[in-house]
Amino acid sequence: MTETVGFVGVGIMGKPMVMNLLGAGYEVVAHSRSAGSVDEVVAAGAKRGESPAEVAGRVDVVITMLPDTPDVEAVLVSGPDPVVDGVRAGQLVIDMSSISPGATRKLAAVFAAKAVGFLDAPVSGGEKGAIEGALSIMVGGRQEDFARAMPIFEVLGKSIVLVGPSGAGQVTKACNQLVVAANIEAVAEALVLAAKAGVDPAKVREALLGGFAGSKILEVHGQRMLAGTFDPGFRIRLHRKDARIIEETAAELGVPTPAFERVVEQLQRLVDSGGGELDHSALVTVLEEDAGVQVRSAAGAD
């Protein structure tokens, strides 16, 4: 029998995830701060939830997809009518947001005390991956909870890995965001260097894609830089939030991240200049400003 799913956080990522669950035949109860997005999924067949606690009281599995640690903590345990007030023993809570590993472990303990399973399952793949049901899902928690959640995960993603105990999924997401940001910065630096040298950055990208420098970042974000189109797949302000989690986790563990420190400066510059809603590929604009050249206008040069 298919389990019923509650979904709290029907935003850029959450809405297509709900749509995919509905398409797979799941009964979904949705709640979000944005009434408009809930209206859309209700029109597609979801039921409306009035509060996180009320959602939890109507379903078997609760999923949260929210912007930051305080948002998740409020919805799950500390805000008005939180999920914890509506759960019963034997349910499963899955947080698919990207938040602090330490906070995740505390949340897991709260739900364990109520005999409720808890998984941290942050994702990578952006809005496109959410729409296509092709997300990479990095999971922390118990094997039995992971096995129970697998049919749901298979609707939402393609790469699904149980990394370890509670918090391991969030640590993995932090590692992912470190690598992604550092690679976007490297691609941006390479294309700006090519443009400043009078070499066509589009041709440079084409050549690099065929060698060891080839990557998904060079393919997708490199093209965005060449086109100068920065409509968000993943917003700068959210990557800056993830950068804070990386910084805090690294500091707590005493791990140096020297290359990443430069990327954090660039992310902060964009946020401070009003670019927080742009896609993270817009990191190139900071370098373009410093170098006095535009990758877009240089594309097609001889």
Protein backbone atom coordinates (compact mmCIF):
# COMPACT_ATOMS: atom_id res chain seq x y z
CA MET A 1 0.00 0.00 0.00
CA THR A 2 1.38 3.43 -0.96
CA GLU A 3 2.02 5.68 2.02
CA THR A 4 0.48 9.13 2.26
CA VAL A 5 2.95 12.01 2.16
CA GLY A 6 2.87 15.42 3.80
CA PHE A 7 5.00 18.07 2.11
CA VAL A 8 5.92 21.33 3.87
CA GLY A 9 7.71 23.90 1.70
CA VAL A 10 6.23 24.12 -1.79
CA GLY A 11 8.74 26.47 -3.40
CA ILE A 12 11.03 26.37 -6.44
CA MET A 13 12.23 22.90 -5.50
CA GLY A 14 9.28 21.65 -3.49
CA LYS A 15 6.55 22.33 -6.03
CA PRO A 16 7.93 20.10 -8.82
CA MET A 17 8.74 17.44 -6.23
CA VAL A 18 5.09 17.42 -5.12
CA MET A 19 4.00 17.28 -8.76
CA ASN A 20 6.17 14.22 -9.33
CA LEU A 21 4.77 12.48 -6.25
CA LEU A 22 1.24 13.17 -7.46
CA GLY A 23 2.16 11.84 -10.89
CA ALA A 24 3.43 8.65 -9.30
CA GLY A 25 0.10 8.12 -7.54
CA TYR A 26 0.93 9.37 -4.05
CA GLU A 27 -1.68 11.13 -1.96
CA VAL A 28 0.00 14.38 -0.87
CA VAL A 29 -1.04 16.93 1.77
CA ALA A 30 0.82 20.20 1.09
CA HIS A 31 1.49 23.26 3.23
CA SER A 32 3.67 26.31 2.56
CA ARG A 33 3.99 29.97 3.46
CA SER A 34 3.21 30.75 -0.18
CA ALA A 35 -0.50 30.20 -0.74
CA GLY A 36 -0.09 30.52 -4.50
CA SER A 37 2.20 27.54 -4.84
CA VAL A 38 -0.10 25.43 -2.67
CA ASP A 39 -3.03 26.46 -4.86
CA GLU A 40 -1.13 25.11 -7.88
CA VAL A 41 -0.43 21.69 -6.38
CA VAL A 42 -3.97 21.46 -4.98
CA ALA A 43 -5.27 22.11 -8.50
CA ALA A 44 -3.10 19.17 -9.61
CA GLY A 45 -4.60 16.84 -7.00
CA ALA A 46 -2.87 17.51 -3.68
CA LYS A 47 -4.82 18.23 -0.49
CA ARG A 48 -4.27 21.45 1.43
CA GLY A 49 -2.71 21.36 4.89
CA GLU A 50 -3.47 24.14 7.36
CA SER A 51 -0.29 23.88 9.48
CA PRO A 52 2.77 21.63 9.84
CA ALA A 53 1.18 19.84 12.80
CA GLU A 54 -2.09 19.35 10.96
CA VAL A 55 -0.24 17.93 7.95
CA ALA A 56 1.66 15.49 10.17
CA GLY A 57 -1.59 14.29 11.71
CA ARG A 58 -2.98 13.27 8.31
CA VAL A 59 -0.09 11.37 6.71
CA ASP A 60 2.42 8.54 7.12
CA VAL A 61 5.54 10.39 5.95
CA VAL A 62 6.35 14.10 6.33
CA ILE A 63 8.82 15.79 3.96
CA THR A 64 10.22 19.28 4.48
CA MET A 65 11.96 21.35 1.78
CA LEU A 66 12.83 24.73 3.28
CA PRO A 67 15.49 27.45 2.80
CA ASP A 68 17.60 27.35 5.97
CA THR A 69 18.22 25.81 9.39
CA PRO A 70 15.97 28.21 11.37
CA ASP A 71 13.10 27.54 8.92
CA VAL A 72 13.40 23.79 9.38
CA GLU A 73 13.69 24.06 13.16
CA ALA A 74 10.57 26.27 13.29
CA VAL A 75 8.48 23.97 11.09
CA LEU A 76 9.58 20.79 12.81
CA VAL A 77 9.87 21.66 16.49
CA SER A 78 9.88 25.30 17.63
CA GLY A 79 7.40 27.35 15.58
CA PRO A 80 3.62 27.59 15.79
CA ASP A 81 1.90 24.22 15.29
CA PRO A 82 5.13 22.35 14.45
CA VAL A 83 5.32 18.89 12.94
CA VAL A 84 6.43 17.39 16.26
CA ASP A 85 3.06 18.28 17.78
CA GLY A 86 1.20 16.30 15.15
CA VAL A 87 3.29 13.15 14.77
CA ARG A 88 2.60 9.73 16.22
CA ALA A 89 4.85 6.74 16.83
CA GLY A 90 5.80 4.87 13.67
CA GLN A 91 5.80 7.83 11.32
CA LEU A 92 8.77 9.02 9.28
CA VAL A 93 10.04 12.59 8.88
CA ILE A 94 12.37 13.39 5.97
CA ASP A 95 14.11 16.76 5.82
CA MET A 96 15.27 17.40 2.26
CA SER A 97 16.47 20.95 2.96
CA SER A 98 20.15 21.88 3.15
CA ILE A 99 20.89 22.76 6.78
CA SER A 100 23.44 22.41 9.57
CA PRO A 101 24.58 18.83 10.33
CA GLY A 102 24.62 19.62 14.06
CA ALA A 103 21.06 20.92 14.02
CA THR A 104 20.02 17.84 12.05
CA ARG A 105 21.34 15.48 14.71
CA LYS A 106 19.40 17.37 17.39
CA LEU A 107 16.20 17.18 15.36
CA ALA A 108 16.68 13.45 14.83
CA ALA A 109 16.99 12.98 18.60
CA VAL A 110 13.74 14.90 19.21
CA PHE A 111 11.81 12.64 16.86
CA ALA A 112 13.54 9.47 18.09
CA ALA A 113 12.17 10.26 21.56
CA LYS A 114 8.70 10.03 20.01
CA ALA A 115 9.50 6.77 18.18
CA VAL A 116 9.40 8.65 14.87
CA GLY A 117 12.01 7.92 12.19
CA PHE A 118 14.07 10.80 10.81
CA LEU A 119 16.19 11.12 7.68
CA ASP A 120 18.24 14.06 6.47
CA ALA A 121 18.13 13.86 2.68
CA PRO A 122 19.39 17.06 1.03
CA VAL A 123 19.50 17.14 -2.74
CA SER A 124 21.55 18.40 -5.65
CA GLY A 125 20.38 19.05 -9.19
CA GLY A 126 18.53 22.34 -8.89
CA GLU A 127 15.08 23.15 -10.21
CA LYS A 128 15.74 21.24 -13.45
CA GLY A 129 16.57 18.08 -11.51
CA ALA A 130 13.48 18.53 -9.34
CA ILE A 131 11.23 18.93 -12.39
CA GLU A 132 12.73 15.89 -14.12
CA GLY A 133 12.77 13.71 -11.00
CA ALA A 134 16.51 13.37 -11.45
CA LEU A 135 17.86 14.78 -8.19
CA SER A 136 20.92 13.44 -6.42
CA ILE A 137 19.75 12.56 -2.89
CA MET A 138 22.30 12.27 -0.06
CA VAL A 139 20.85 10.55 2.97
CA GLY A 140 21.70 10.30 6.65
CA GLY A 141 19.81 8.08 9.10
CA ARG A 142 18.90 4.49 9.89
CA GLN A 143 18.92 1.74 7.25
CA GLU A 144 15.34 0.72 8.02
CA ASP A 145 14.08 4.30 7.56
CA PHE A 146 16.05 4.62 4.35
CA ALA A 147 14.53 1.40 2.98
CA ARG A 148 11.06 2.67 3.85
CA ALA A 149 11.70 6.00 2.10
CA MET A 150 13.27 4.48 -1.02
CA PRO A 151 10.06 4.28 -3.10
CA ILE A 152 9.53 8.01 -2.49
CA PHE A 153 13.17 8.83 -3.23
CA GLU A 154 12.99 6.89 -6.50
CA VAL A 155 10.21 9.20 -7.68
CA LEU A 156 12.24 12.30 -6.85
CA GLY A 157 15.79 11.34 -7.79
CA LYS A 158 18.16 9.16 -9.78
CA SER A 159 21.25 8.96 -7.57
CA ILE A 160 20.22 7.95 -4.03
CA VAL A 161 22.87 7.07 -1.46
CA LEU A 162 22.61 6.31 2.26
CA VAL A 163 25.87 7.91 3.37
CA GLY A 164 25.75 7.19 7.10
CA PRO A 165 23.93 8.04 10.35
CA SER A 166 21.95 11.22 11.06
CA GLY A 167 23.78 14.31 9.80
CA ALA A 168 25.81 12.41 7.19
CA GLY A 169 23.51 13.57 4.41
CA GLN A 170 24.01 17.20 5.40
CA VAL A 171 27.78 16.78 5.61
CA THR A 172 27.71 15.30 2.11
CA LYS A 173 25.64 18.24 0.83
CA ALA A 174 28.16 20.64 2.36
CA CYS A 175 30.93 18.80 0.49
CA ASN A 176 28.85 18.99 -2.70
CA GLN A 177 28.33 22.73 -2.37
CA LEU A 178 32.03 23.28 -1.69
CA VAL A 179 32.99 21.43 -4.88
CA VAL A 180 30.27 23.10 -6.97
CA ALA A 181 31.14 26.63 -5.86
CA ALA A 182 34.88 26.09 -6.30
CA ASN A 183 34.30 24.71 -9.80
CA ILE A 184 32.02 27.57 -10.82
CA GLU A 185 34.73 29.98 -9.67
CA ALA A 186 37.40 28.06 -11.62
CA VAL A 187 35.31 28.04 -14.80
CA ALA A 188 34.59 31.75 -14.41
CA GLU A 189 38.29 32.53 -13.91
CA ALA A 190 39.24 30.49 -16.98
CA LEU A 191 36.68 32.15 -19.26
CA VAL A 192 37.53 35.64 -18.05
CA LEU A 193 41.24 34.92 -18.53
CA ALA A 194 40.55 33.78 -22.09
CA ALA A 195 38.44 36.86 -22.82
CA LYS A 196 41.08 39.22 -21.44
CA ALA A 197 43.73 37.50 -23.54
CA GLY A 198 41.66 38.09 -26.68
CA VAL A 199 40.86 34.42 -27.17
CA ASP A 200 37.26 33.35 -27.82
CA PRO A 201 35.98 31.98 -24.46
CA ALA A 202 33.33 29.91 -26.26
CA LYS A 203 36.06 28.09 -28.19
CA VAL A 204 38.10 27.69 -25.01
CA ARG A 205 35.10 26.08 -23.30
CA GLU A 206 34.57 23.79 -26.29
CA ALA A 207 38.18 22.65 -26.18
CA LEU A 208 38.21 22.15 -22.41
CA LEU A 209 35.05 20.02 -22.49
CA GLY A 210 37.01 17.38 -24.39
CA GLY A 211 39.74 16.96 -21.76
CA PHE A 212 40.28 16.51 -18.04
CA ALA A 213 38.88 19.97 -17.38
CA GLY A 214 35.51 18.85 -18.75
CA SER A 215 32.71 18.85 -16.17
CA LYS A 216 28.99 19.41 -15.73
CA ILE A 217 29.83 22.84 -14.33
CA LEU A 218 31.83 23.78 -17.44
CA GLU A 219 29.05 22.43 -19.66
CA VAL A 220 26.02 24.04 -17.98
CA HIS A 221 27.31 27.03 -16.05
CA GLY A 222 30.00 27.82 -18.59
CA GLN A 223 27.26 28.19 -21.19
CA ARG A 224 25.30 30.48 -18.88
CA MET A 225 28.36 32.67 -18.49
CA LEU A 226 28.83 32.83 -22.26
CA ALA A 227 25.17 33.73 -22.76
CA GLY A 228 25.09 36.15 -19.83
CA THR A 229 21.83 34.58 -18.62
CA PHE A 230 21.62 34.23 -14.87
CA ASP A 231 17.99 33.35 -14.18
CA PRO A 232 18.20 31.22 -11.08
CA GLY A 233 18.46 27.51 -11.11
CA PHE A 234 20.14 27.97 -7.73
CA ARG A 235 20.28 31.43 -6.19
CA ILE A 236 23.48 33.14 -5.03
CA ARG A 237 21.94 33.92 -1.62
CA LEU A 238 21.18 30.24 -1.04
CA HIS A 239 24.69 29.20 -2.00
CA ARG A 240 25.98 31.84 0.41
CA LYS A 241 23.80 30.22 3.07
CA ASP A 242 25.28 26.84 2.23
CA ALA A 243 28.74 28.40 2.36
CA ARG A 244 28.06 29.44 5.94
CA ILE A 245 27.23 25.82 6.80
CA ILE A 246 30.48 24.71 5.15
CA GLU A 247 32.47 27.33 7.06
CA GLU A 248 30.90 26.42 10.39
CA THR A 249 31.36 22.69 9.86
CA ALA A 250 34.99 23.09 8.76
CA ALA A 251 35.76 25.40 11.70
CA GLU A 252 34.17 22.98 14.16
CA LEU A 253 36.29 20.13 12.81
CA GLY A 254 39.48 22.16 12.34
CA VAL A 255 39.60 21.51 8.58
CA PRO A 256 41.17 24.21 6.34
CA THR A 257 39.30 25.13 3.13
CA PRO A 258 41.64 27.73 1.58
CA ALA A 259 40.34 27.57 -2.01
CA PHE A 260 36.77 27.85 -0.82
CA GLU A 261 37.48 30.96 1.25
CA ARG A 262 38.01 32.97 -1.95
CA VAL A 263 34.71 31.74 -3.36
CA VAL A 264 32.91 32.84 -0.18
CA GLU A 265 34.27 36.37 -0.70
CA GLN A 266 32.89 36.40 -4.25
CA LEU A 267 29.49 35.10 -3.15
CA GLN A 268 29.31 37.77 -0.47
CA ARG A 269 30.23 40.51 -2.94
CA LEU A 270 27.34 39.51 -5.15
CA VAL A 271 24.90 39.39 -2.25
CA ASP A 272 26.09 42.80 -1.01
CA SER A 273 25.71 44.31 -4.48
CA GLY A 274 22.12 43.13 -4.83
CA GLY A 275 22.81 40.00 -6.88
CA GLY A 276 21.56 37.48 -4.35
CA GLU A 277 18.64 36.37 -6.53
CA LEU A 278 20.84 35.57 -9.53
CA ASP A 279 22.01 32.07 -10.42
CA HIS A 280 25.34 31.11 -8.86
CA SER A 281 26.94 31.10 -12.30
CA ALA A 282 26.78 34.91 -11.96
CA LEU A 283 30.02 34.60 -9.97
CA VAL A 284 31.64 35.37 -13.32
CA THR A 285 30.34 38.96 -13.16
CA VAL A 286 32.56 39.77 -10.18
CA LEU A 287 35.63 38.67 -12.12
CA GLU A 288 34.48 40.49 -15.24
CA GLU A 289 34.21 43.70 -13.24
CA ASP A 290 37.70 43.27 -11.78
CA ALA A 291 39.24 42.36 -15.15
CA GLY A 292 37.38 44.99 -17.17
CA VAL A 293 36.13 42.49 -19.72
CA GLN A 294 32.91 40.60 -20.47
CA VAL A 295 32.91 36.94 -21.39
CA ARG A 296 29.67 37.35 -23.34
CA SER A 297 30.93 40.15 -25.59
CA ALA A 298 34.25 38.35 -26.12
CA ALA A 299 32.56 35.17 -27.37
CA GLY A 300 32.98 34.90 -31.13
CA ALA A 301 36.29 36.79 -31.15
CA ASP A 302 38.97 35.68 -33.56
